[in-house]
Amino acid sequence: MIRVLIKKRKGNFEEIQILGHAMYDDYGKDIVCAGASTIFITTVNAILRFNKKAINVEEKKDFVCMQVLQSNEIITILLDNMVDLFVELSSKYPKNITVREDEYNE
């Protein structure tokens, strides 16, 4: 299962982690993994077009993490859109992807 974890502090995006594999189909044939990867990569590329220093992305096998270093209205809109797309994907494939949002008010 893919687990998407969104971390926010005082309403601002801080980090987005994506872990695991959807197990909908074999590697290379999994439409849920392909959808999740497309959502993430498209958002990363769009943010980097606006500000190359806004995010840091770390990739490992079955794990990607985006740290939000700088934010503005456009970046927030892009991240909100990404979360909405993940939530929609998880509503269609609830056995293969979950989305959790953690809010820290410290």
Protein backbone atom coordinates (compact mmCIF):
# COMPACT_ATOMS: atom_id res chain seq x y z
CA MET A 1 0.00 0.00 0.00
CA ILE A 2 1.12 3.55 -0.74
CA ARG A 3 1.01 5.84 2.27
CA VAL A 4 1.00 9.58 1.68
CA LEU A 5 1.83 11.61 4.77
CA ILE A 6 1.35 15.38 4.70
CA LYS A 7 2.93 17.33 7.55
CA LYS A 8 1.78 20.88 8.21
CA ARG A 9 2.81 23.37 10.85
CA LYS A 10 0.34 26.13 11.68
CA GLY A 11 -1.50 25.49 8.41
CA ASN A 12 1.64 25.63 6.23
CA PHE A 13 3.02 22.67 4.32
CA GLU A 14 6.24 21.40 5.82
CA GLU A 15 6.80 17.95 4.31
CA ILE A 16 5.13 15.38 2.07
CA GLN A 17 6.25 11.75 2.27
CA ILE A 18 5.19 8.93 -0.01
CA LEU A 19 6.06 5.40 1.09
CA GLY A 20 5.45 1.94 -0.26
CA HIS A 21 3.99 0.33 -3.34
CA ALA A 22 0.29 0.15 -4.21
CA MET A 23 0.31 -3.61 -4.94
CA TYR A 24 -2.49 -3.10 -7.46
CA ASP A 25 -0.37 -4.87 -10.08
CA ASP A 26 3.27 -5.81 -10.76
CA TYR A 27 6.00 -3.16 -10.80
CA GLY A 28 5.87 -1.36 -14.13
CA LYS A 29 2.19 -2.24 -14.65
CA ASP A 30 0.66 -0.69 -11.53
CA ILE A 31 -1.74 2.12 -12.49
CA VAL A 32 -2.10 3.33 -8.89
CA CYS A 33 1.67 3.72 -8.50
CA ALA A 34 1.82 5.40 -11.90
CA GLY A 35 -0.94 7.80 -10.89
CA ALA A 36 0.71 8.64 -7.56
CA SER A 37 4.10 9.14 -9.22
CA THR A 38 2.58 11.39 -11.87
CA ILE A 39 0.80 13.52 -9.26
CA PHE A 40 4.01 13.93 -7.26
CA ILE A 41 6.42 14.53 -10.17
CA THR A 42 4.10 17.01 -11.91
CA THR A 43 3.76 19.01 -8.69
CA VAL A 44 7.51 18.98 -8.05
CA ASN A 45 8.24 20.15 -11.59
CA ALA A 46 5.64 22.94 -11.39
CA ILE A 47 7.01 24.22 -8.07
CA LEU A 48 10.59 24.16 -9.38
CA ARG A 49 9.52 26.28 -12.38
CA PHE A 50 8.41 29.00 -9.96
CA ASN A 51 11.20 28.72 -7.41
CA LYS A 52 14.10 26.26 -7.56
CA LYS A 53 14.88 26.84 -3.87
CA ALA A 54 11.32 26.28 -2.60
CA ILE A 55 11.60 22.52 -2.08
CA ASN A 56 14.07 19.75 -1.47
CA VAL A 57 13.25 16.27 -2.79
CA GLU A 58 14.80 13.05 -1.52
CA GLU A 59 14.22 9.76 -3.36
CA LYS A 60 14.94 6.18 -2.33
CA LYS A 61 13.39 2.87 -3.31
CA ASP A 62 9.68 2.99 -2.42
CA PHE A 63 10.11 6.38 -0.68
CA VAL A 64 10.08 10.03 -1.73
CA CYS A 65 10.05 13.05 0.50
CA MET A 66 9.45 16.69 -0.39
CA GLN A 67 10.52 19.27 2.17
CA VAL A 68 8.94 22.68 1.68
CA LEU A 69 11.65 25.27 2.33
CA GLN A 70 9.89 28.37 1.01
CA SER A 71 6.25 29.01 0.32
CA ASN A 72 3.96 31.53 -1.31
CA GLU A 73 0.42 31.55 -2.65
CA ILE A 74 1.28 29.70 -5.88
CA ILE A 75 3.25 26.96 -4.12
CA THR A 76 0.45 26.50 -1.58
CA ILE A 77 -2.12 26.19 -4.38
CA LEU A 78 0.03 23.59 -6.16
CA LEU A 79 0.47 21.59 -2.94
CA ASP A 80 -3.25 21.81 -2.11
CA ASN A 81 -4.00 20.53 -5.62
CA MET A 82 -1.53 17.66 -5.15
CA VAL A 83 -3.21 16.65 -1.88
CA ASP A 84 -6.67 16.83 -3.51
CA LEU A 85 -5.47 14.55 -6.32
CA PHE A 86 -4.01 12.04 -3.83
CA VAL A 87 -7.28 12.05 -1.86
CA GLU A 88 -9.26 11.47 -5.06
CA LEU A 89 -6.95 8.61 -6.07
CA SER A 90 -7.31 7.06 -2.61
CA SER A 91 -11.11 7.29 -2.84
CA LYS A 92 -10.99 5.24 -6.06
CA TYR A 93 -8.38 2.74 -4.76
CA PRO A 94 -8.75 2.66 -0.94
CA LYS A 95 -7.01 -0.72 -0.67
CA ASN A 96 -3.93 0.63 -2.44
CA ILE A 97 -3.31 4.19 -1.24
CA THR A 98 -4.02 6.14 1.94
CA VAL A 99 -3.56 9.83 2.69
CA ARG A 100 -2.93 11.18 6.18
CA GLU A 101 -2.47 14.80 7.17
CA ASP A 102 -0.74 15.71 10.43
CA GLU A 103 -1.09 19.26 11.74
CA TYR A 104 1.33 20.72 14.27
CA ASN A 105 0.36 23.97 15.94
CA GLU A 106 3.59 24.57 17.85
